[in-house]
C-alpha atoms as a PDB file:
ATOM      1  CA  MET A   1     -22.906  17.886  17.623  1.00  0.00           C
ATOM      2  CA  ASN A   2     -21.670  14.411  18.432  1.00  0.00           C
ATOM      3  CA  ASP A   3     -19.424  14.116  15.348  1.00  0.00           C
ATOM      4  CA  LEU A   4     -15.714  13.808  14.708  1.00  0.00           C
ATOM      5  CA  ARG A   5     -14.404  15.712  11.718  1.00  0.00           C
ATOM      6  CA  SER A   6     -11.544  14.124   9.812  1.00  0.00           C
ATOM      7  CA  ARG A   7      -8.828  15.797   7.776  1.00  0.00           C
ATOM      8  CA  GLY A   8     -10.911  15.312   4.659  1.00  0.00           C
ATOM      9  CA  ASP A   9     -11.368  12.987   1.734  1.00  0.00           C
ATOM     10  CA  ALA A  10      -8.157  12.828  -0.286  1.00  0.00           C
ATOM     11  CA  ALA A  11     -10.015  11.615  -3.369  1.00  0.00           C
ATOM     12  CA  THR A  12     -12.611  14.405  -3.556  1.00  0.00           C
ATOM     13  CA  GLY A  13     -11.186  17.191  -1.421  1.00  0.00           C
ATOM     14  CA  THR A  14     -14.394  17.285   0.647  1.00  0.00           C
ATOM     15  CA  LEU A  15     -14.724  17.165   4.411  1.00  0.00           C
ATOM     16  CA  VAL A  16     -15.598  13.745   5.772  1.00  0.00           C
ATOM     17  CA  VAL A  17     -17.886  13.818   8.825  1.00  0.00           C
ATOM     18  CA  ARG A  18     -18.411  10.497  10.560  1.00  0.00           C
ATOM     19  CA  PRO A  19     -20.317   9.701  13.765  1.00  0.00           C
ATOM     20  CA  THR A  20     -18.326   9.379  16.953  1.00  0.00           C
ATOM     21  CA  PRO A  21     -17.852   5.679  17.747  1.00  0.00           C
ATOM     22  CA  ARG A  22     -19.640   4.754  20.958  1.00  0.00           C
ATOM     23  CA  VAL A  23     -17.719   2.220  23.046  1.00  0.00           C
ATOM     24  CA  ARG A  24     -20.092   0.160  25.166  1.00  0.00           C
ATOM     25  CA  ALA A  25     -19.242  -1.050  28.657  1.00  0.00           C
ATOM     26  CA  ASN A  26     -16.839  -3.992  28.624  1.00  0.00           C
ATOM     27  CA  GLU A  27     -16.168  -3.514  24.889  1.00  0.00           C
ATOM     28  CA  PRO A  28     -12.531  -3.108  23.742  1.00  0.00           C
ATOM     29  CA  LEU A  29     -11.250   0.080  22.149  1.00  0.00           C
ATOM     30  CA  ALA A  30     -10.548  -1.809  18.906  1.00  0.00           C
ATOM     31  CA  ILE A  31      -9.985  -5.304  17.525  1.00  0.00           C
ATOM     32  CA  HIS A  32      -6.847  -6.788  15.970  1.00  0.00           C
ATOM     33  CA  ALA A  33      -7.929  -9.555  13.558  1.00  0.00           C
ATOM     34  CA  ILE A  34      -5.670 -12.124  11.833  1.00  0.00           C
ATOM     35  CA  LEU A  35      -6.910 -14.008   8.762  1.00  0.00           C
ATOM     36  CA  ARG A  36      -5.312 -17.028   7.101  1.00  0.00           C
ATOM     37  CA  LEU A  37      -6.304 -19.952   4.886  1.00  0.00           C
ATOM     38  CA  VAL A  38      -7.032 -23.282   6.548  1.00  0.00           C
ATOM     39  CA  ASP A  39      -4.141 -25.089   4.809  1.00  0.00           C
ATOM     40  CA  GLY A  40      -1.636 -22.244   5.303  1.00  0.00           C
ATOM     41  CA  ARG A  41      -1.139 -21.589   1.598  1.00  0.00           C
ATOM     42  CA  VAL A  42      -0.025 -18.194   0.272  1.00  0.00           C
ATOM     43  CA  LEU A  43      -2.790 -15.596   0.441  1.00  0.00           C
ATOM     44  CA  VAL A  44      -1.772 -13.493  -2.591  1.00  0.00           C
ATOM     45  CA  ARG A  45       0.470 -14.758  -5.390  1.00  0.00           C
ATOM     46  CA  SER A  46       1.353 -11.631  -7.358  1.00  0.00           C
ATOM     47  CA  ALA A  47       1.417  -7.831  -7.195  1.00  0.00           C
ATOM     48  CA  ALA A  48      -1.870  -7.743  -9.110  1.00  0.00           C
ATOM     49  CA  GLU A  49      -3.557 -10.040  -6.560  1.00  0.00           C
ATOM     50  CA  ARG A  50      -2.089  -7.999  -3.716  1.00  0.00           C
ATOM     51  CA  ARG A  51      -3.670  -4.809  -5.070  1.00  0.00           C
ATOM     52  CA  LEU A  52      -6.937  -6.627  -5.681  1.00  0.00           C
ATOM     53  CA  ALA A  53      -6.971  -7.867  -2.086  1.00  0.00           C
ATOM     54  CA  ALA A  54      -6.075  -4.391  -0.815  1.00  0.00           C
ATOM     55  CA  MET A  55      -9.123  -2.952  -2.560  1.00  0.00           C
ATOM     56  CA  VAL A  56     -11.302  -5.587  -0.860  1.00  0.00           C
ATOM     57  CA  PHE A  57      -9.888  -4.595   2.555  1.00  0.00           C
ATOM     58  CA  ILE A  58     -10.392  -0.892   1.813  1.00  0.00           C
ATOM     59  CA  ARG A  59     -13.998  -1.247   0.666  1.00  0.00           C
ATOM     60  CA  HIS A  60     -15.106  -3.545   3.470  1.00  0.00           C
ATOM     61  CA  GLY A  61     -12.985  -1.872   6.155  1.00  0.00           C
ATOM     62  CA  ALA A  62     -14.419   1.587   5.500  1.00  0.00           C
ATOM     63  CA  ARG A  63     -17.754   0.393   6.923  1.00  0.00           C
ATOM     64  CA  ARG A  64     -16.215  -0.427  10.329  1.00  0.00           C
ATOM     65  CA  ARG A  65     -13.483   2.177  10.864  1.00  0.00           C
ATOM     66  CA  MET A  66     -10.519   0.107   9.760  1.00  0.00           C
ATOM     67  CA  LEU A  67      -7.355   1.829  11.020  1.00  0.00           C
ATOM     68  CA  ALA A  68      -4.667  -0.383   9.463  1.00  0.00           C
ATOM     69  CA  PHE A  69      -4.178  -3.568   7.462  1.00  0.00           C
ATOM     70  CA  ARG A  70      -1.246  -5.515   6.056  1.00  0.00           C
ATOM     71  CA  ILE A  71      -1.184  -8.608   3.867  1.00  0.00           C
ATOM     72  CA  ALA A  72       1.862 -10.815   4.500  1.00  0.00           C
ATOM     73  CA  ASP A  73       2.613 -14.061   2.655  1.00  0.00           C
ATOM     74  CA  ASP A  74       0.163 -16.548   4.160  1.00  0.00           C
ATOM     75  CA  HIS A  75      -1.939 -14.315   6.423  1.00  0.00           C
ATOM     76  CA  ALA A  76      -3.284 -10.800   6.843  1.00  0.00           C
ATOM     77  CA  HIS A  77      -3.641  -8.461   9.823  1.00  0.00           C
ATOM     78  CA  MET A  78      -6.205  -5.734  10.408  1.00  0.00           C
ATOM     79  CA  VAL A  79      -6.954  -3.255  13.192  1.00  0.00           C
ATOM     80  CA  VAL A  80     -10.533  -2.022  13.273  1.00  0.00           C
ATOM     81  CA  ALA A  81     -12.240   0.325  15.752  1.00  0.00           C
ATOM     82  CA  CYS A  82     -15.487  -1.536  16.364  1.00  0.00           C
ATOM     83  CA  SER A  83     -17.008  -4.153  18.652  1.00  0.00           C
ATOM     84  CA  ARG A  84     -16.060  -7.825  18.603  1.00  0.00           C
ATOM     85  CA  ALA A  85     -19.392  -8.714  16.994  1.00  0.00           C
ATOM     86  CA  GLU A  86     -18.954  -6.073  14.286  1.00  0.00           C
ATOM     87  CA  ALA A  87     -15.408  -7.286  13.636  1.00  0.00           C
ATOM     88  CA  GLY A  88     -16.788 -10.806  13.186  1.00  0.00           C
ATOM     89  CA  GLU A  89     -19.286  -9.569  10.595  1.00  0.00           C
ATOM     90  CA  LEU A  90     -16.551  -7.618   8.820  1.00  0.00           C
ATOM     91  CA  CYS A  91     -14.196 -10.599   8.647  1.00  0.00           C
ATOM     92  CA  ALA A  92     -16.956 -12.865   7.374  1.00  0.00           C
ATOM     93  CA  GLY A  93     -17.585 -10.444   4.519  1.00  0.00           C
ATOM     94  CA  LEU A  94     -13.871 -10.106   3.836  1.00  0.00           C
ATOM     95  CA  LYS A  95     -13.396 -13.858   3.624  1.00  0.00           C
ATOM     96  CA  THR A  96     -16.265 -14.234   1.180  1.00  0.00           C
ATOM     97  CA  ALA A  97     -15.031 -11.389  -1.038  1.00  0.00           C
ATOM     98  CA  LEU A  98     -11.378 -12.492  -0.967  1.00  0.00           C
ATOM     99  CA  GLY A  99     -12.303 -16.089  -1.730  1.00  0.00           C
ATOM    100  CA  ARG A 100     -14.414 -15.009  -4.685  1.00  0.00           C
ATOM    101  CA  ARG A 101     -11.889 -12.533  -6.130  1.00  0.00           C
ATOM    102  CA  LEU A 102      -8.675 -14.507  -5.561  1.00  0.00           C
ATOM    103  CA  ALA A 103      -9.923 -18.074  -6.196  1.00  0.00           C
ATOM    104  CA  HIS A 104      -7.510 -19.761  -3.775  1.00  0.00           C
ATOM    105  CA  GLY A 105      -9.009 -23.212  -4.060  1.00  0.00           C
ATOM    106  CA  SER A 106      -9.044 -23.241  -0.255  1.00  0.00           C
ATOM    107  CA  SER A 107     -11.166 -21.862   2.577  1.00  0.00           C
ATOM    108  CA  PHE A 108     -10.336 -19.517   5.418  1.00  0.00           C
ATOM    109  CA  ASP A 109      -9.467 -20.754   8.868  1.00  0.00           C
ATOM    110  CA  SER A 110     -11.190 -19.369  11.946  1.00  0.00           C
ATOM    111  CA  THR A 111     -10.233 -15.737  12.448  1.00  0.00           C
ATOM    112  CA  ARG A 112      -8.095 -14.915  15.463  1.00  0.00           C
ATOM    113  CA  TYR A 113      -9.255 -11.830  17.385  1.00  0.00           C
ATOM    114  CA  VAL A 114      -7.215  -9.833  19.905  1.00  0.00           C
ATOM    115  CA  ALA A 115      -9.016  -7.206  21.974  1.00  0.00           C
ATOM    116  CA  ILE A 116      -7.225  -3.830  22.173  1.00  0.00           C
ATOM    117  CA  ALA A 117      -7.823  -2.441  25.623  1.00  0.00           C
ATOM    118  CA  ASP A 118      -6.207   1.003  25.653  1.00  0.00           C
ATOM    119  CA  GLN A 119      -4.629   3.730  23.517  1.00  0.00           C
ATOM    120  CA  ARG A 120      -1.056   2.539  23.967  1.00  0.00           C
ATOM    121  CA  HIS A 121      -2.036  -0.970  22.884  1.00  0.00           C
ATOM    122  CA  LEU A 122      -3.827   0.516  19.849  1.00  0.00           C
ATOM    123  CA  MET A 123      -0.778   2.486  18.704  1.00  0.00           C
ATOM    124  CA  ASN A 124       1.545  -0.483  19.176  1.00  0.00           C
ATOM    125  CA  ALA A 125      -0.851  -2.774  17.293  1.00  0.00           C
ATOM    126  CA  ILE A 126      -0.974  -0.432  14.295  1.00  0.00           C
ATOM    127  CA  ARG A 127       2.825  -0.213  14.161  1.00  0.00           C
ATOM    128  CA  TYR A 128       3.043  -4.003  14.509  1.00  0.00           C
ATOM    129  CA  VAL A 129       0.570  -4.606  11.673  1.00  0.00           C
ATOM    130  CA  LEU A 130       2.284  -2.253   9.219  1.00  0.00           C
ATOM    131  CA  ARG A 131       5.706  -3.845   9.856  1.00  0.00           C
ATOM    132  CA  GLN A 132       4.568  -7.426   9.257  1.00  0.00           C
ATOM    133  CA  GLU A 133       7.005  -8.193   6.431  1.00  0.00           C
ATOM    134  CA  ALA A 134      10.020  -6.919   8.375  1.00  0.00           C
ATOM    135  CA  ARG A 135       8.935  -8.988  11.379  1.00  0.00           C
ATOM    136  CA  HIS A 136       8.830 -12.148   9.248  1.00  0.00           C
ATOM    137  CA  GLY A 137      12.005 -11.316   7.292  1.00  0.00           C
ATOM    138  CA  LEU A 138      10.084 -10.958   4.011  1.00  0.00           C
ATOM    139  CA  GLU A 139      10.527  -8.552   1.099  1.00  0.00           C
ATOM    140  CA  LEU A 140       7.557  -9.567  -1.038  1.00  0.00           C
ATOM    141  CA  ASP A 141       5.878  -6.168  -1.056  1.00  0.00           C
ATOM    142  CA  PRO A 142       8.413  -3.339  -0.629  1.00  0.00           C
ATOM    143  CA  CYS A 143       5.951  -0.803  -2.110  1.00  0.00           C
ATOM    144  CA  HIS A 144       3.286  -1.690   0.496  1.00  0.00           C
ATOM    145  CA  ASP A 145       0.632  -2.318  -2.152  1.00  0.00           C
ATOM    146  CA  GLY A 146      -0.884  -4.795   0.310  1.00  0.00           C
ATOM    147  CA  SER A 147      -1.125  -2.443   3.282  1.00  0.00           C
ATOM    148  CA  SER A 148      -2.855   0.752   4.392  1.00  0.00           C
ATOM    149  CA  LEU A 149       0.415   2.719   4.564  1.00  0.00           C
ATOM    150  CA  PRO A 150       0.017   4.273   1.061  1.00  0.00           C
ATOM    151  CA  ASP A 151      -3.383   5.654   2.085  1.00  0.00           C
ATOM    152  CA  LEU A 152      -1.830   7.549   4.994  1.00  0.00           C
ATOM    153  CA  VAL A 153       0.738   9.468   2.921  1.00  0.00           C
ATOM    154  CA  GLY A 154      -1.101  10.201  -0.326  1.00  0.00           C
ATOM    155  CA  LEU A 155       0.243   7.356  -2.469  1.00  0.00           C
ATOM    156  CA  ARG A 156      -3.252   5.934  -2.927  1.00  0.00           C
ATOM    157  CA  VAL A 157      -6.646   7.611  -3.186  1.00  0.00           C
ATOM    158  CA  ALA A 158      -9.101   4.817  -2.336  1.00  0.00           C
ATOM    159  CA  GLY A 159      -8.346   4.526   1.390  1.00  0.00           C
ATOM    160  CA  SER A 160      -8.912   8.115   2.492  1.00  0.00           C
ATOM    161  CA  ARG A 161     -11.406   7.011   5.170  1.00  0.00           C
ATOM    162  CA  CYS A 162      -8.764   4.827   6.788  1.00  0.00           C
ATOM    163  CA  ALA A 163      -6.387   7.797   6.899  1.00  0.00           C
ATOM    164  CA  ALA A 164      -9.104  10.088   8.269  1.00  0.00           C
ATOM    165  CA  ASP A 165     -10.166   7.645  11.002  1.00  0.00           C
ATOM    166  CA  LEU A 166      -6.567   7.053  12.052  1.00  0.00           C
ATOM    167  CA  ALA A 167      -6.038  10.814  12.357  1.00  0.00           C
ATOM    168  CA  VAL A 168      -9.032  11.041  14.702  1.00  0.00           C
ATOM    169  CA  LEU A 169      -8.600   7.902  16.813  1.00  0.00           C
ATOM    170  CA  ALA A 170      -4.785   7.737  16.955  1.00  0.00           C
ATOM    171  CA  PRO A 171      -3.633  11.335  16.316  1.00  0.00           C
ATOM    172  CA  ARG A 172      -0.154  10.753  17.758  1.00  0.00           C
ATOM    173  CA  LEU A 173       0.594   8.242  14.999  1.00  0.00           C
ATOM    174  CA  ARG A 174       1.615  10.734  12.368  1.00  0.00           C
ATOM    175  CA  PRO A 175       1.898   9.441   8.788  1.00  0.00           C
ATOM    176  CA  ALA A 176       5.518  10.579   8.432  1.00  0.00           C
ATOM    177  CA  GLU A 177       6.460   8.660  11.586  1.00  0.00           C
ATOM    178  CA  LEU A 178       4.752   5.488  10.328  1.00  0.00           C
ATOM    179  CA  TRP A 179       6.459   5.862   6.941  1.00  0.00           C
ATOM    180  CA  SER A 180       9.843   6.048   8.625  1.00  0.00           C
ATOM    181  CA  HIS A 181       8.925   3.286  11.099  1.00  0.00           C
ATOM    182  CA  CYS A 182       8.299   0.962   8.149  1.00  0.00           C
ATOM    183  CA  GLY A 183      11.757   1.712   6.723  1.00  0.00           C
ATOM    184  CA  MET A 184      10.458   3.567   3.670  1.00  0.00           C
ATOM    185  CA  PRO A 185      12.733   5.933   1.704  1.00  0.00           C
ATOM    186  CA  ASP A 186      12.677   9.743   1.715  1.00  0.00           C
ATOM    187  CA  LEU A 187      11.002  10.708  -1.584  1.00  0.00           C
ATOM    188  CA  ARG A 188      11.503  14.468  -1.496  1.00  0.00           C
ATOM    189  CA  GLU A 189      14.602  14.588  -3.723  1.00  0.00           C
ATOM    190  CA  VAL A 190      13.879  11.530  -5.870  1.00  0.00           C
ATOM    191  CA  GLN A 191      13.780  12.109  -9.628  1.00  0.00           C
ATOM    192  CA  PRO A 192      11.254   9.581 -10.960  1.00  0.00           C
ATOM    193  CA  MET A 193      11.944   7.074 -13.730  1.00  0.00           C
ATOM    194  CA  PHE A 194       8.869   6.807 -15.926  1.00  0.00           C
ATOM    195  CA  SER A 195       9.391   3.232 -17.093  1.00  0.00           C
ATOM    196  CA  GLN A 196       6.934   2.077 -14.393  1.00  0.00           C
ATOM    197  CA  ILE A 197       4.162   4.585 -15.066  1.00  0.00           C
ATOM    198  CA  GLY A 198       1.649   1.772 -15.682  1.00  0.00           C
ATOM    199  CA  GLU A 199       2.432   0.009 -12.393  1.00  0.00           C
ATOM    200  CA  ALA A 200       2.376   3.318 -10.542  1.00  0.00           C
ATOM    201  CA  ALA A 201      -1.053   4.199 -11.966  1.00  0.00           C
ATOM    202  CA  ALA A 202      -2.487   0.788 -11.037  1.00  0.00           C
ATOM    203  CA  ALA A 203      -1.042   0.981  -7.509  1.00  0.00           C
ATOM    204  CA  ALA A 204      -2.407   4.475  -6.870  1.00  0.00           C
ATOM    205  CA  CYS A 205      -6.044   3.350  -7.345  1.00  0.00           C
ATOM    206  CA  PRO A 206      -5.456   0.387  -6.540  1.00  0.00           C
ATOM    207  CA  LEU A 207      -6.148  -1.828  -9.560  1.00  0.00           C
ATOM    208  CA  PRO A 208      -4.669  -5.221 -10.465  1.00  0.00           C
ATOM    209  CA  ASP A 209      -3.550  -3.758 -13.814  1.00  0.00           C
ATOM    210  CA  LEU A 210      -4.683  -1.241 -16.448  1.00  0.00           C
ATOM    211  CA  ALA A 211      -6.538  -3.733 -18.641  1.00  0.00           C
ATOM    212  CA  GLY A 212     -10.150  -3.016 -19.544  1.00  0.00           C
ATOM    213  CA  ARG A 213     -12.290   0.095 -19.767  1.00  0.00           C
ATOM    214  CA  SER A 214     -13.796   0.437 -16.306  1.00  0.00           C
ATOM    215  CA  ALA A 215     -14.273   3.954 -14.939  1.00  0.00           C
ATOM    216  CA  ALA A 216     -11.426   3.448 -12.462  1.00  0.00           C
ATOM    217  CA  THR A 217      -9.071   2.173 -15.175  1.00  0.00           C
ATOM    218  CA  VAL A 218      -9.828   5.092 -17.507  1.00  0.00           C
ATOM    219  CA  ALA A 219      -9.364   7.577 -14.646  1.00  0.00           C
ATOM    220  CA  ALA A 220      -5.995   5.997 -13.798  1.00  0.00           C
ATOM    221  CA  LYS A 221      -4.822   6.203 -17.415  1.00  0.00           C
ATOM    222  CA  ARG A 222      -6.055   9.785 -17.729  1.00  0.00           C
ATOM    223  CA  ALA A 223      -4.125  10.877 -14.640  1.00  0.00           C
ATOM    224  CA  ALA A 224      -1.039   8.897 -15.699  1.00  0.00           C
ATOM    225  CA  VAL A 225      -0.987  10.703 -19.042  1.00  0.00           C
ATOM    226  CA  GLN A 226      -0.912  14.055 -17.248  1.00  0.00           C
ATOM    227  CA  VAL A 227       1.981  12.899 -15.054  1.00  0.00           C
ATOM    228  CA  ALA A 228       4.112  11.414 -17.844  1.00  0.00           C
ATOM    229  CA  GLN A 229       3.226  13.220 -21.067  1.00  0.00           C
ATOM    230  CA  HIS A 230       6.174  15.640 -20.934  1.00  0.00           C
ATOM    231  CA  HIS A 231       8.673  12.927 -19.983  1.00  0.00           C
ATOM    232  CA  VAL A 232       7.786   9.901 -22.115  1.00  0.00           C
ATOM    233  CA  PRO A 233       7.511   9.736 -25.944  1.00  0.00           C
ATOM    234  CA  PRO A 234       3.902   9.163 -27.088  1.00  0.00           C
ATOM    235  CA  SER A 235       4.658   5.746 -28.590  1.00  0.00           C
ATOM    236  CA  ALA A 236       6.299   4.530 -25.376  1.00  0.00           C
ATOM    237  CA  LEU A 237       3.475   5.953 -23.240  1.00  0.00           C
ATOM    238  CA  CYS A 238       0.901   4.175 -25.425  1.00  0.00           C
ATOM    239  CA  ALA A 239       2.717   0.890 -24.870  1.00  0.00           C
ATOM    240  CA  GLN A 240       3.005   1.350 -21.115  1.00  0.00           C
ATOM    241  CA  LEU A 241      -0.639   2.343 -20.647  1.00  0.00           C
ATOM    242  CA  GLU A 242      -1.936  -0.148 -23.228  1.00  0.00           C
ATOM    243  CA  VAL A 243      -3.781   2.469 -25.299  1.00  0.00           C
ATOM    244  CA  SER A 244      -3.789   3.548 -28.947  1.00  0.00           C
ATOM    245  CA  ALA A 245      -2.379   6.867 -30.160  1.00  0.00           C
ATOM    246  CA  ARG A 246      -5.933   8.107 -30.704  1.00  0.00           C
ATOM    247  CA  THR A 247      -6.940   7.167 -27.146  1.00  0.00           C
ATOM    248  CA  LEU A 248      -3.817   8.848 -25.785  1.00  0.00           C
ATOM    249  CA  ARG A 249      -4.778  12.117 -27.496  1.00  0.00           C
ATOM    250  CA  ARG A 250      -8.278  11.877 -26.066  1.00  0.00           C
ATOM    251  CA  LEU A 251      -7.026  11.144 -22.537  1.00  0.00           C
ATOM    252  CA  ARG A 252      -4.647  14.103 -22.751  1.00  0.00           C
ATOM    253  CA  SER A 253      -7.509  16.473 -23.557  1.00  0.00           C
ATOM    254  CA  GLU A 254      -9.838  15.265 -20.782  1.00  0.00           C
ATOM    255  CA  ARG A 255     -10.016  16.610 -17.232  1.00  0.00           C
ATOM    256  CA  HIS A 256      -8.081  14.445 -14.777  1.00  0.00           C
ATOM    257  CA  ASP A 257      -8.228  13.901 -11.007  1.00  0.00           C
ATOM    258  CA  PRO A 258      -5.365  15.950  -9.479  1.00  0.00           C
ATOM    259  CA  HIS A 259      -5.330  13.843  -6.291  1.00  0.00           C
ATOM    260  CA  LEU A 260      -4.890  10.683  -8.348  1.00  0.00           C
ATOM    261  CA  ALA A 261      -2.186  12.327 -10.477  1.00  0.00           C
ATOM    262  CA  ARG A 262      -0.284  13.290  -7.317  1.00  0.00           C
ATOM    263  CA  ALA A 263      -0.596   9.735  -5.973  1.00  0.00           C
ATOM    264  CA  ILE A 264       0.762   8.331  -9.258  1.00  0.00           C
ATOM    265  CA  ALA A 265       3.706  10.748  -9.175  1.00  0.00           C
ATOM    266  CA  LEU A 266       4.524   9.656  -5.614  1.00  0.00           C
ATOM    267  CA  GLN A 267       4.197   5.981  -6.580  1.00  0.00           C
ATOM    268  CA  LEU A 268       6.712   6.599  -9.369  1.00  0.00           C
ATOM    269  CA  LYS A 269       9.134   8.197  -6.914  1.00  0.00           C
ATOM    270  CA  LEU A 270       8.739   5.287  -4.502  1.00  0.00           C
ATOM    271  CA  ARG A 271       9.435   2.700  -7.192  1.00  0.00           C
ATOM    272  CA  THR A 272      12.430   4.688  -8.437  1.00  0.00           C
ATOM    273  CA  ALA A 273      13.888   4.967  -4.924  1.00  0.00           C
ATOM    274  CA  LEU A 274      13.406   1.267  -4.205  1.00  0.00           C
ATOM    275  CA  ALA A 275      14.896   0.257  -7.560  1.00  0.00           C
ATOM    276  CA  SER A 276      17.941   2.455  -6.921  1.00  0.00           C
ATOM    277  CA  SER A 277      18.377   0.958  -3.461  1.00  0.00           C
ATOM    278  CA  ALA A 278      18.105  -2.584  -4.848  1.00  0.00           C
ATOM    279  CA  ALA A 279      20.675  -1.790  -7.561  1.00  0.00           C
ATOM    280  CA  LEU A 280      23.065  -0.386  -4.941  1.00  0.00           C
ATOM    281  CA  ASP A 281      22.641  -3.477  -2.759  1.00  0.00           C
ATOM    282  CA  SER A 282      23.305  -5.702  -5.772  1.00  0.00           C
ATOM    283  CA  ALA A 283      26.460  -3.769  -6.640  1.00  0.00           C
ATOM    284  CA  ARG A 284      27.712  -4.044  -3.064  1.00  0.00           C
ATOM    285  CA  ALA A 285      27.029  -7.784  -3.037  1.00  0.00           C
ATOM    286  CA  ALA A 286      28.910  -8.213  -6.309  1.00  0.00           C
ATOM    287  CA  ALA A 287      31.845  -6.211  -4.946  1.00  0.00           C
ATOM    288  CA  ALA A 288      31.911  -8.323  -1.777  1.00  0.00           C
ATOM    289  CA  LEU A 289      31.947 -11.500  -3.876  1.00  0.00           C
ATOM    290  CA  GLU A 290      34.819 -10.130  -5.981  1.00  0.00           C
ATOM    291  CA  ILE A 291      36.806  -9.367  -2.829  1.00  0.00           C
ATOM    292  CA  ALA A 292      36.135 -12.831  -1.391  1.00  0.00           C
ATOM    293  CA  LYS A 293      37.369 -14.566  -4.557  1.00  0.00           C
ATOM    294  CA  ALA A 294      40.518 -12.460  -4.959  1.00  0.00           C
ATOM    295  CA  PRO A 295      43.975 -13.468  -3.577  1.00  0.00           C
ATOM    296  CA  PRO A 296      44.716 -12.028  -0.095  1.00  0.00           C
ATOM    297  CA  TYR A 297      46.696  -8.955  -1.162  1.00  0.00           C
ATOM    298  CA  GLU A 298      44.440  -8.225  -4.129  1.00  0.00           C
ATOM    299  CA  GLY A 299      41.394  -8.680  -1.907  1.00  0.00           C
ATOM    300  CA  ALA A 300      42.724  -6.103   0.550  1.00  0.00           C
ATOM    301  CA  ARG A 301      43.289  -3.645  -2.314  1.00  0.00           C
ATOM    302  CA  LEU A 302      39.755  -4.139  -3.633  1.00  0.00           C
ATOM    303  CA  ALA A 303      38.290  -3.743  -0.166  1.00  0.00           C
ATOM    304  CA  SER A 304      40.155  -0.470   0.285  1.00  0.00           C
ATOM    305  CA  ARG A 305      38.917   0.771  -3.079  1.00  0.00           C
ATOM    306  CA  GLU A 306      35.338  -0.189  -2.229  1.00  0.00           C
ATOM    307  CA  ALA A 307      35.535   1.637   1.119  1.00  0.00           C
ATOM    308  CA  GLU A 308      36.608   4.839  -0.657  1.00  0.00           C
ATOM    309  CA  ARG A 309      33.477   4.904  -2.856  1.00  0.00           C
END
């Protein structure tokens, strides 16, 4: 049978079987595409827009074996295992969908395409795409809501096809290695803070927010209740998930998606770890400022005290 079997669909637990991609003569192994607006304006303006754009990439990219994507400030990168013509069709659809959903007030520039000739180039391109913010010295999206990285490590359920295709076509790029390569924190010992349960639930889907009553929104709230119900008072949980006490009781009694609940729990850990790191950096910066302002001898004493911490 001329099929490649993936690790499975993280959202449903079922085996995903997809046809083996046939590479024609003189066709590249994959395509690296770069999208930007014609006037260079910012592509996404908020975390909600970033998650909305990510969902567009996931839905369209699944049709053409998208292996990685990353949205930076004024452009986006994508690696897709298909022909140049198929990549052109994919990017045309992406531009239309992004323009409609994000309402930039601008149009997209011509897409830049880079042919990926061999396996080493493919692996390097994927690493390059996922580290876009670090390359540009940006910290707009530390949680990687606008990239495919969460799909590779179970922090999001929508992009399981991307994770499965990457496992087949670039098996040496292990998710844990990519997580570390992108400078992400170790989550194994993190004790989550539940003040961001709403953001975590939206990011795990992904959804712009938890407003409305769509099937995806209700599923996210249902799973979030299961994650947080023993840690957050009912009144506070109602406020964070934007539901009434009656709705909270109903959500608690309904069957939830365990894969989505796990993704939400991991999103909470990620946000807790990043918040702790940011607080530590802020404290260090404040201490350095205190030392700089102090008289010479006092500054030396403060520096010594800070070094002992």
